[in-house]
C-alpha atoms as a PDB file:
ATOM      1  CA  MET A   1      51.193  99.733  97.736  1.00  0.00           C
ATOM      2  CA  PRO A   2      53.439  99.051  94.520  1.00  0.00           C
ATOM      3  CA  ALA A   3      53.610  95.516  93.327  1.00  0.00           C
ATOM      4  CA  VAL A   4      57.209  94.086  93.715  1.00  0.00           C
ATOM      5  CA  THR A   5      58.192  93.451  89.910  1.00  0.00           C
ATOM      6  CA  PRO A   6      61.285  91.739  88.877  1.00  0.00           C
ATOM      7  CA  LEU A   7      62.805  94.901  87.563  1.00  0.00           C
ATOM      8  CA  MET A   8      62.592  96.088  91.426  1.00  0.00           C
ATOM      9  CA  VAL A   9      64.323  93.078  92.613  1.00  0.00           C
ATOM     10  CA  LYS A  10      66.995  93.660  89.998  1.00  0.00           C
ATOM     11  CA  GLN A  11      67.507  97.086  90.974  1.00  0.00           C
ATOM     12  CA  LEU A  12      67.990  96.041  94.533  1.00  0.00           C
ATOM     13  CA  ARG A  13      70.315  93.668  93.814  1.00  0.00           C
ATOM     14  CA  ASP A  14      72.363  95.797  91.705  1.00  0.00           C
ATOM     15  CA  ARG A  15      72.572  98.419  94.909  1.00  0.00           C
ATOM     16  CA  THR A  16      73.293  96.002  97.451  1.00  0.00           C
ATOM     17  CA  ASP A  17      74.870  92.688  95.877  1.00  0.00           C
ATOM     18  CA  GLN A  18      72.614  91.019  98.154  1.00  0.00           C
ATOM     19  CA  PRO A  19      70.684  87.332  96.838  1.00  0.00           C
ATOM     20  CA  MET A  20      67.773  88.078  94.411  1.00  0.00           C
ATOM     21  CA  GLY A  21      65.517  86.036  96.853  1.00  0.00           C
ATOM     22  CA  LEU A  22      66.448  88.086 100.196  1.00  0.00           C
ATOM     23  CA  CYS A  23      65.873  91.311  97.907  1.00  0.00           C
ATOM     24  CA  LYS A  24      62.445  90.204  97.068  1.00  0.00           C
ATOM     25  CA  GLN A  25      61.958  89.408 100.587  1.00  0.00           C
ATOM     26  CA  ALA A  26      62.948  93.042 101.590  1.00  0.00           C
ATOM     27  CA  LEU A  27      60.767  94.730  98.915  1.00  0.00           C
ATOM     28  CA  ASP A  28      57.850  92.585 100.016  1.00  0.00           C
ATOM     29  CA  GLU A  29      58.464  93.173 103.879  1.00  0.00           C
ATOM     30  CA  ASN A  30      58.606  97.137 102.943  1.00  0.00           C
ATOM     31  CA  GLY A  31      55.602  97.257 100.384  1.00  0.00           C
ATOM     32  CA  GLY A  32      58.143  97.758  97.383  1.00  0.00           C
ATOM     33  CA  GLU A  33      59.989 100.683  99.004  1.00  0.00           C
ATOM     34  CA  MET A  34      63.365 100.735  97.578  1.00  0.00           C
ATOM     35  CA  GLU A  35      64.695 102.723 100.425  1.00  0.00           C
ATOM     36  CA  LYS A  36      62.896 101.061 103.558  1.00  0.00           C
ATOM     37  CA  ALA A  37      64.277  97.919 101.699  1.00  0.00           C
ATOM     38  CA  ILE A  38      67.588  98.843 101.775  1.00  0.00           C
ATOM     39  CA  ASP A  39      67.468  99.906 105.294  1.00  0.00           C
ATOM     40  CA  TRP A  40      66.044  96.513 106.195  1.00  0.00           C
ATOM     41  CA  LEU A  41      68.526  94.717 104.264  1.00  0.00           C
ATOM     42  CA  ARG A  42      71.249  96.810 106.350  1.00  0.00           C
ATOM     43  CA  GLU A  43      70.002  95.871 109.767  1.00  0.00           C
ATOM     44  CA  ARG A  44      69.746  92.263 108.658  1.00  0.00           C
ATOM     45  CA  SER A  45      73.797  92.529 107.896  1.00  0.00           C
ATOM     46  CA  LYS A  46      74.126  93.985 111.408  1.00  0.00           C
ATOM     47  CA  GLY A  47      72.495  90.892 112.763  1.00  0.00           C
ATOM     48  CA  VAL A  48      75.033  88.627 110.550  1.00  0.00           C
ATOM     49  CA  THR A  49      77.937  90.530 111.958  1.00  0.00           C
ATOM     50  CA  ALA A  50      76.684  90.051 115.573  1.00  0.00           C
ATOM     51  CA  LYS A  51      76.464  86.395 115.201  1.00  0.00           C
ATOM     52  CA  ARG A  52      79.955  86.088 114.070  1.00  0.00           C
ATOM     53  CA  GLU A  53      81.524  88.657 116.618  1.00  0.00           C
ATOM     54  CA  GLY A  54      83.436  85.504 118.263  1.00  0.00           C
ATOM     55  CA  ASN A  55      84.963  84.500 114.863  1.00  0.00           C
ATOM     56  CA  GLU A  56      88.704  85.189 114.357  1.00  0.00           C
ATOM     57  CA  THR A  57      89.748  87.303 111.318  1.00  0.00           C
ATOM     58  CA  ALA A  58      93.369  86.221 110.508  1.00  0.00           C
ATOM     59  CA  GLU A  59      92.921  87.289 106.946  1.00  0.00           C
ATOM     60  CA  GLY A  60      92.656  90.725 105.560  1.00  0.00           C
ATOM     61  CA  ARG A  61      94.339  93.215 102.955  1.00  0.00           C
ATOM     62  CA  VAL A  62      95.641  96.622 103.029  1.00  0.00           C
ATOM     63  CA  GLY A  63      93.835  99.681 101.211  1.00  0.00           C
ATOM     64  CA  ALA A  64      95.654 102.921 100.899  1.00  0.00           C
ATOM     65  CA  PHE A  65      94.470 106.308  99.413  1.00  0.00           C
ATOM     66  CA  VAL A  66      96.514 109.304  98.151  1.00  0.00           C
ATOM     67  CA  ASP A  67      95.136 112.947  97.673  1.00  0.00           C
ATOM     68  CA  ASN A  68      97.869 115.146  96.558  1.00  0.00           C
ATOM     69  CA  ALA A  69      96.143 118.348  95.796  1.00  0.00           C
ATOM     70  CA  ALA A  70      94.464 118.120  99.586  1.00  0.00           C
ATOM     71  CA  LYS A  71      98.009 117.067 100.796  1.00  0.00           C
ATOM     72  CA  VAL A  72      96.434 114.002 102.688  1.00  0.00           C
ATOM     73  CA  ALA A  73      96.639 110.042 102.256  1.00  0.00           C
ATOM     74  CA  ALA A  74      95.771 107.253 104.675  1.00  0.00           C
ATOM     75  CA  ILE A  75      96.265 103.557 104.764  1.00  0.00           C
ATOM     76  CA  VAL A  76      94.336 100.722 106.365  1.00  0.00           C
ATOM     77  CA  GLU A  77      94.148  97.273 107.263  1.00  0.00           C
ATOM     78  CA  MET A  78      90.878  95.426 107.050  1.00  0.00           C
ATOM     79  CA  ARG A  79      90.547  91.942 108.625  1.00  0.00           C
ATOM     80  CA  CYS A  80      88.042  89.322 107.340  1.00  0.00           C
ATOM     81  CA  GLU A  81      87.720  85.589 108.402  1.00  0.00           C
ATOM     82  CA  SER A  82      88.886  83.711 104.903  1.00  0.00           C
ATOM     83  CA  ALA A  83      91.674  84.402 102.132  1.00  0.00           C
ATOM     84  CA  PRO A  84      89.072  83.953  99.494  1.00  0.00           C
ATOM     85  CA  SER A  85      86.926  86.619 101.209  1.00  0.00           C
ATOM     86  CA  ALA A  86      90.336  88.931 101.447  1.00  0.00           C
ATOM     87  CA  LYS A  87      90.544  88.426  97.572  1.00  0.00           C
ATOM     88  CA  SER A  88      86.979  89.466  96.496  1.00  0.00           C
ATOM     89  CA  ASP A  89      85.947  92.525  94.746  1.00  0.00           C
ATOM     90  CA  GLN A  90      83.803  93.469  97.525  1.00  0.00           C
ATOM     91  CA  PHE A  91      86.512  93.419 100.238  1.00  0.00           C
ATOM     92  CA  ILE A  92      89.075  95.073  98.151  1.00  0.00           C
ATOM     93  CA  ALA A  93      86.563  98.183  97.070  1.00  0.00           C
ATOM     94  CA  LEU A  94      85.868  97.965 100.835  1.00  0.00           C
ATOM     95  CA  ALA A  95      89.368  98.420 101.974  1.00  0.00           C
ATOM     96  CA  ASN A  96      89.979 101.166  99.360  1.00  0.00           C
ATOM     97  CA  ASP A  97      86.644 103.092 100.367  1.00  0.00           C
ATOM     98  CA  LEU A  98      87.453 102.970 104.012  1.00  0.00           C
ATOM     99  CA  ALA A  99      91.064 104.314 103.113  1.00  0.00           C
ATOM    100  CA  LYS A 100      89.505 107.307 101.214  1.00  0.00           C
ATOM    101  CA  ALA A 101      87.303 107.652 104.251  1.00  0.00           C
ATOM    102  CA  ALA A 102      90.168 107.802 106.713  1.00  0.00           C
ATOM    103  CA  ALA A 103      91.956 110.811 104.552  1.00  0.00           C
ATOM    104  CA  ALA A 104      89.115 112.534 104.572  1.00  0.00           C
ATOM    105  CA  SER A 105      88.521 112.062 108.330  1.00  0.00           C
ATOM    106  CA  LYS A 106      89.948 113.400 111.609  1.00  0.00           C
ATOM    107  CA  ALA A 107      89.111 110.710 113.535  1.00  0.00           C
ATOM    108  CA  ALA A 108      91.609 109.584 116.211  1.00  0.00           C
ATOM    109  CA  ASP A 109      91.256 105.877 116.119  1.00  0.00           C
ATOM    110  CA  ALA A 110      88.980 103.098 114.670  1.00  0.00           C
ATOM    111  CA  PRO A 111      86.235 103.485 116.528  1.00  0.00           C
ATOM    112  CA  ALA A 112      85.781 107.136 116.135  1.00  0.00           C
ATOM    113  CA  LEU A 113      85.837 106.426 112.299  1.00  0.00           C
ATOM    114  CA  LEU A 114      83.336 103.946 112.097  1.00  0.00           C
ATOM    115  CA  VAL A 115      80.634 105.843 113.211  1.00  0.00           C
ATOM    116  CA  GLU A 116      81.521 108.579 110.636  1.00  0.00           C
ATOM    117  CA  PRO A 117      79.097 109.409 108.055  1.00  0.00           C
ATOM    118  CA  LEU A 118      80.085 107.619 104.420  1.00  0.00           C
ATOM    119  CA  GLY A 119      78.528 108.550 101.030  1.00  0.00           C
ATOM    120  CA  GLY A 120      75.745 109.982 102.402  1.00  0.00           C
ATOM    121  CA  THR A 121      73.680 106.488 103.045  1.00  0.00           C
ATOM    122  CA  GLY A 122      75.034 105.684 106.268  1.00  0.00           C
ATOM    123  CA  THR A 123      78.277 105.375 108.371  1.00  0.00           C
ATOM    124  CA  VAL A 124      81.380 103.878 107.992  1.00  0.00           C
ATOM    125  CA  GLN A 125      80.454 100.769 109.932  1.00  0.00           C
ATOM    126  CA  ASP A 126      77.028 100.242 107.808  1.00  0.00           C
ATOM    127  CA  ARG A 127      79.622 100.440 104.674  1.00  0.00           C
ATOM    128  CA  ILE A 128      81.111  97.267 106.349  1.00  0.00           C
ATOM    129  CA  ASN A 129      77.955  95.539 107.106  1.00  0.00           C
ATOM    130  CA  ASP A 130      76.734  95.897 103.660  1.00  0.00           C
ATOM    131  CA  VAL A 131      79.778  93.673 102.778  1.00  0.00           C
ATOM    132  CA  VAL A 132      78.986  91.373 105.500  1.00  0.00           C
ATOM    133  CA  GLY A 133      75.693  90.977 104.400  1.00  0.00           C
ATOM    134  CA  VAL A 134      76.845  89.705 100.935  1.00  0.00           C
ATOM    135  CA  ILE A 135      80.119  87.847 101.959  1.00  0.00           C
ATOM    136  CA  ARG A 136      78.731  86.555 105.244  1.00  0.00           C
ATOM    137  CA  GLU A 137      81.942  86.899 107.288  1.00  0.00           C
ATOM    138  CA  LYS A 138      82.965  89.151 110.206  1.00  0.00           C
ATOM    139  CA  MET A 139      85.143  91.842 109.068  1.00  0.00           C
ATOM    140  CA  VAL A 140      87.033  94.399 111.027  1.00  0.00           C
ATOM    141  CA  LEU A 141      88.835  97.878 110.557  1.00  0.00           C
ATOM    142  CA  HIS A 142      91.628  96.583 112.351  1.00  0.00           C
ATOM    143  CA  ARG A 143      93.739 100.066 112.123  1.00  0.00           C
ATOM    144  CA  PHE A 144      94.357 103.185 110.043  1.00  0.00           C
ATOM    145  CA  GLN A 145      96.896 105.745 109.664  1.00  0.00           C
ATOM    146  CA  ARG A 146      95.993 109.255 108.280  1.00  0.00           C
ATOM    147  CA  LEU A 147      99.145 111.415 107.021  1.00  0.00           C
ATOM    148  CA  GLU A 148      98.720 115.170 106.372  1.00  0.00           C
ATOM    149  CA  GLY A 149     100.508 118.436 104.413  1.00  0.00           C
ATOM    150  CA  GLY A 150     103.276 116.287 102.255  1.00  0.00           C
ATOM    151  CA  VAL A 151     103.744 114.688  98.934  1.00  0.00           C
ATOM    152  CA  TYR A 152     102.669 111.206  98.968  1.00  0.00           C
ATOM    153  CA  GLY A 153     102.887 108.064  96.994  1.00  0.00           C
ATOM    154  CA  ALA A 154     101.289 104.710  97.847  1.00  0.00           C
ATOM    155  CA  TYR A 155     101.719 100.810  96.903  1.00  0.00           C
ATOM    156  CA  VAL A 156      99.522  97.828  97.580  1.00  0.00           C
ATOM    157  CA  HIS A 157     101.137  94.859  97.084  1.00  0.00           C
ATOM    158  CA  HIS A 158      98.967  92.682  94.125  1.00  0.00           C
ATOM    159  CA  ASP A 159      97.777  90.224  96.940  1.00  0.00           C
ATOM    160  CA  GLY A 160      96.658  93.405  99.255  1.00  0.00           C
ATOM    161  CA  THR A 161      98.664  91.732 102.184  1.00  0.00           C
ATOM    162  CA  VAL A 162     101.549  94.452 102.273  1.00  0.00           C
ATOM    163  CA  GLY A 163     100.927  98.182 101.492  1.00  0.00           C
ATOM    164  CA  VAL A 164     102.894 101.458 101.862  1.00  0.00           C
ATOM    165  CA  LEU A 165     102.565 105.306 102.123  1.00  0.00           C
ATOM    166  CA  ILE A 166     105.466 107.386 101.527  1.00  0.00           C
ATOM    167  CA  GLU A 167     105.504 110.902 102.787  1.00  0.00           C
ATOM    168  CA  CYS A 168     107.973 113.685 100.845  1.00  0.00           C
ATOM    169  CA  LYS A 169     108.653 117.360 100.923  1.00  0.00           C
ATOM    170  CA  GLY A 170     109.609 119.482  97.811  1.00  0.00           C
ATOM    171  CA  GLY A 171     107.868 120.017  94.868  1.00  0.00           C
ATOM    172  CA  ALA A 172     104.929 118.329  92.693  1.00  0.00           C
ATOM    173  CA  ALA A 173     104.213 114.864  93.160  1.00  0.00           C
ATOM    174  CA  ASN A 174     105.601 112.339  90.626  1.00  0.00           C
ATOM    175  CA  ASP A 175     103.153 109.221  91.069  1.00  0.00           C
ATOM    176  CA  GLU A 176     105.387 106.728  89.411  1.00  0.00           C
ATOM    177  CA  LEU A 177     108.292 107.650  91.033  1.00  0.00           C
ATOM    178  CA  LEU A 178     106.465 107.677  94.660  1.00  0.00           C
ATOM    179  CA  ARG A 179     104.951 104.401  93.511  1.00  0.00           C
ATOM    180  CA  ASP A 180     108.355 102.936  92.991  1.00  0.00           C
ATOM    181  CA  VAL A 181     109.834 103.973  96.164  1.00  0.00           C
ATOM    182  CA  ALA A 182     106.468 102.595  98.136  1.00  0.00           C
ATOM    183  CA  ALA A 183     106.949  99.177  96.424  1.00  0.00           C
ATOM    184  CA  HIS A 184     110.641  99.362  97.476  1.00  0.00           C
ATOM    185  CA  ILE A 185     109.763 100.042 101.240  1.00  0.00           C
ATOM    186  CA  ALA A 186     107.219  97.038 100.810  1.00  0.00           C
ATOM    187  CA  ALA A 187     109.576  94.637  99.388  1.00  0.00           C
ATOM    188  CA  LEU A 188     112.621  95.882 101.671  1.00  0.00           C
ATOM    189  CA  ASN A 189     111.093  97.063 104.813  1.00  0.00           C
ATOM    190  CA  PRO A 190     114.043  99.320 105.970  1.00  0.00           C
ATOM    191  CA  PRO A 191     113.746 100.539 109.794  1.00  0.00           C
ATOM    192  CA  TYR A 192     114.344 104.262 109.027  1.00  0.00           C
ATOM    193  CA  ALA A 193     113.627 106.739 106.228  1.00  0.00           C
ATOM    194  CA  ILE A 194     116.392 109.119 106.409  1.00  0.00           C
ATOM    195  CA  THR A 195     119.738 108.986 108.247  1.00  0.00           C
ATOM    196  CA  THR A 196     118.609 111.360 111.038  1.00  0.00           C
ATOM    197  CA  ASP A 197     115.935 108.888 112.021  1.00  0.00           C
ATOM    198  CA  VAL A 198     118.704 106.296 113.220  1.00  0.00           C
ATOM    199  CA  PRO A 199     118.840 106.453 117.102  1.00  0.00           C
ATOM    200  CA  SER A 200     122.449 107.625 118.368  1.00  0.00           C
ATOM    201  CA  ASP A 201     123.336 104.181 120.107  1.00  0.00           C
ATOM    202  CA  VAL A 202     122.616 102.414 116.541  1.00  0.00           C
ATOM    203  CA  VAL A 203     125.090 104.747 114.985  1.00  0.00           C
ATOM    204  CA  GLU A 204     127.569 104.453 117.865  1.00  0.00           C
ATOM    205  CA  LYS A 205     127.147 100.454 117.482  1.00  0.00           C
ATOM    206  CA  GLU A 206     127.591 100.729 113.810  1.00  0.00           C
ATOM    207  CA  LYS A 207     130.728 102.954 114.196  1.00  0.00           C
ATOM    208  CA  GLY A 208     132.340 100.398 116.421  1.00  0.00           C
ATOM    209  CA  LEU A 209     131.779  97.741 114.012  1.00  0.00           C
ATOM    210  CA  VAL A 210     133.491  99.609 111.475  1.00  0.00           C
ATOM    211  CA  LYS A 211     136.403 100.359 113.837  1.00  0.00           C
ATOM    212  CA  ALA A 212     136.628  96.827 114.624  1.00  0.00           C
ATOM    213  CA  ASP A 213     136.724  95.715 110.874  1.00  0.00           C
ATOM    214  CA  MET A 214     139.318  98.119 110.032  1.00  0.00           C
ATOM    215  CA  ASP A 215     141.575  97.415 112.887  1.00  0.00           C
ATOM    216  CA  ALA A 216     141.483  94.020 112.000  1.00  0.00           C
ATOM    217  CA  ASP A 217     142.649  94.733 108.253  1.00  0.00           C
ATOM    218  CA  PRO A 218     146.341  94.633 107.948  1.00  0.00           C
ATOM    219  CA  LYS A 219     146.131  96.790 104.774  1.00  0.00           C
ATOM    220  CA  ASN A 220     145.311  99.633 106.989  1.00  0.00           C
ATOM    221  CA  ASN A 221     148.502  99.737 109.122  1.00  0.00           C
ATOM    222  CA  GLY A 222     150.159 102.724 108.667  1.00  0.00           C
ATOM    223  CA  LYS A 223     147.917 104.835 106.630  1.00  0.00           C
ATOM    224  CA  PRO A 224     147.521 108.705 107.884  1.00  0.00           C
ATOM    225  CA  ALA A 225     144.760 109.294 110.105  1.00  0.00           C
ATOM    226  CA  ASN A 226     142.512 111.465 107.643  1.00  0.00           C
ATOM    227  CA  ILE A 227     142.626 108.749 105.112  1.00  0.00           C
ATOM    228  CA  LEU A 228     141.174 106.455 107.770  1.00  0.00           C
ATOM    229  CA  GLU A 229     138.845 108.467 108.500  1.00  0.00           C
ATOM    230  CA  LYS A 230     137.390 108.845 105.127  1.00  0.00           C
ATOM    231  CA  ILE A 231     137.508 104.764 104.856  1.00  0.00           C
ATOM    232  CA  ALA A 232     135.727 104.941 108.015  1.00  0.00           C
ATOM    233  CA  GLU A 233     132.860 107.348 106.733  1.00  0.00           C
ATOM    234  CA  GLY A 234     132.503 105.298 103.593  1.00  0.00           C
ATOM    235  CA  LYS A 235     132.078 102.117 105.527  1.00  0.00           C
ATOM    236  CA  LEU A 236     129.687 103.554 107.914  1.00  0.00           C
ATOM    237  CA  ARG A 237     127.612 104.763 104.930  1.00  0.00           C
ATOM    238  CA  THR A 238     127.589 101.398 103.090  1.00  0.00           C
ATOM    239  CA  ARG A 239     126.329 100.001 106.747  1.00  0.00           C
ATOM    240  CA  LEU A 240     123.625 102.659 106.998  1.00  0.00           C
ATOM    241  CA  SER A 241     122.561 102.056 103.273  1.00  0.00           C
ATOM    242  CA  GLU A 242     121.339  98.397 104.513  1.00  0.00           C
ATOM    243  CA  ILE A 243     118.879 100.299 107.181  1.00  0.00           C
ATOM    244  CA  VAL A 244     117.912 103.557 106.068  1.00  0.00           C
ATOM    245  CA  LEU A 245     115.698 103.952 103.064  1.00  0.00           C
ATOM    246  CA  SER A 246     117.300 107.204 101.363  1.00  0.00           C
ATOM    247  CA  GLU A 247     120.650 105.384 101.561  1.00  0.00           C
ATOM    248  CA  GLN A 248     119.239 102.079  99.913  1.00  0.00           C
ATOM    249  CA  PRO A 249     119.824 101.842  95.899  1.00  0.00           C
ATOM    250  CA  MET A 250     116.456 101.556  94.245  1.00  0.00           C
ATOM    251  CA  ALA A 251     115.248  98.061  93.888  1.00  0.00           C
ATOM    252  CA  ASN A 252     114.156  98.248  90.468  1.00  0.00           C
ATOM    253  CA  ALA A 253     118.020  98.734  89.456  1.00  0.00           C
ATOM    254  CA  GLY A 254     116.788  98.181  85.688  1.00  0.00           C
ATOM    255  CA  LYS A 255     114.823 101.211  85.764  1.00  0.00           C
ATOM    256  CA  TYR A 256     117.056 103.222  88.355  1.00  0.00           C
ATOM    257  CA  PRO A 257     120.741 101.987  87.727  1.00  0.00           C
ATOM    258  CA  ASN A 258     123.189 103.065  90.226  1.00  0.00           C
ATOM    259  CA  THR A 259     120.731 104.945  91.792  1.00  0.00           C
ATOM    260  CA  SER A 260     120.007 105.621  95.659  1.00  0.00           C
ATOM    261  CA  VAL A 261     116.254 106.097  96.763  1.00  0.00           C
ATOM    262  CA  GLY A 262     117.384 109.630  98.068  1.00  0.00           C
ATOM    263  CA  ALA A 263     119.313 110.290  94.793  1.00  0.00           C
ATOM    264  CA  ALA A 264     116.121 109.474  92.626  1.00  0.00           C
ATOM    265  CA  LEU A 265     113.868 111.478  94.639  1.00  0.00           C
ATOM    266  CA  LYS A 266     116.208 114.624  94.866  1.00  0.00           C
ATOM    267  CA  LYS A 267     116.228 114.508  91.249  1.00  0.00           C
ATOM    268  CA  ALA A 268     112.420 114.869  90.956  1.00  0.00           C
ATOM    269  CA  GLY A 269     112.791 117.601  93.662  1.00  0.00           C
ATOM    270  CA  LEU A 270     111.703 115.634  96.417  1.00  0.00           C
ATOM    271  CA  GLU A 271     112.747 114.584 100.045  1.00  0.00           C
ATOM    272  CA  PRO A 272     111.691 111.819 101.889  1.00  0.00           C
ATOM    273  CA  VAL A 273     110.300 112.597 105.455  1.00  0.00           C
ATOM    274  CA  ARG A 274     108.550 109.394 106.605  1.00  0.00           C
ATOM    275  CA  PHE A 275     106.660 106.052 105.679  1.00  0.00           C
ATOM    276  CA  VAL A 276     104.015 103.898 106.892  1.00  0.00           C
ATOM    277  CA  ARG A 277     104.217 100.348 106.124  1.00  0.00           C
ATOM    278  CA  PHE A 278     101.264  97.937 106.846  1.00  0.00           C
ATOM    279  CA  LYS A 279     101.596  94.161 106.851  1.00  0.00           C
ATOM    280  CA  VAL A 280      98.379  92.194 107.496  1.00  0.00           C
ATOM    281  CA  GLY A 281      98.660  90.291 110.810  1.00  0.00           C
ATOM    282  CA  ALA A 282     101.659  92.228 111.759  1.00  0.00           C
ATOM    283  CA  VAL A 283     101.772  93.542 115.209  1.00  0.00           C
ATOM    284  CA  ALA A 284     101.160  97.357 115.311  1.00  0.00           C
ATOM    285  CA  LEU A 285     103.957  99.161 117.042  1.00  0.00           C
END
């Protein structure tokens, strides 16, 4: 049985982020064998997860991953117990790792994703348990969504509480533009990606409001029907620009002056298809 040396303890700590004393105990318990010591620590972390099972996970962060070469992307919402933990480097790395795992997976839901292998050293759940062992809080993969077959961009707000994936069709990805569009969605949260996504009853309601406004405006009295129709179409477009991503002016007006989201994407040979916006704590629809 090899003697447990300070160097071995340091190597185990570097690999697991566990406390030095616990790393020494793991090596002592497992005859100085590094891989067995890692498994021992992993089992111990499972115990931490079980003990904290009833704790509330009201904090968390969003992670996102895009691989335009493979035409896949994914977004996850990870939950934990406290805001400081949600901002920790370990938790940020965990959320990003799980987004990457989700992009590579065909899992239909979170429970199915948790049992899939990750990194050749365990499962997705093992990866979570490893961080639980370091931070000592309950952590949950709350939800994820995977997109495939398009051109993708992503944005996660600096505090991790909001994240977006944008899917387009067309030419090659323009990473900077797609990130800017995703940031626009994160900030403004439009209900619809493109005009055809708007339900017919909503369109009819907006048309009714436009007609009521025009009827109440004495300036429209006596105008020809074709002129009134063009005015109505313009007003409808204006109203739809408030709720449809492609019609909205780009939020970064200094960078994209007098340019709608749809026009900015069109210039890059892209067309919006859909987007996914996760906000920590929001009810999933």
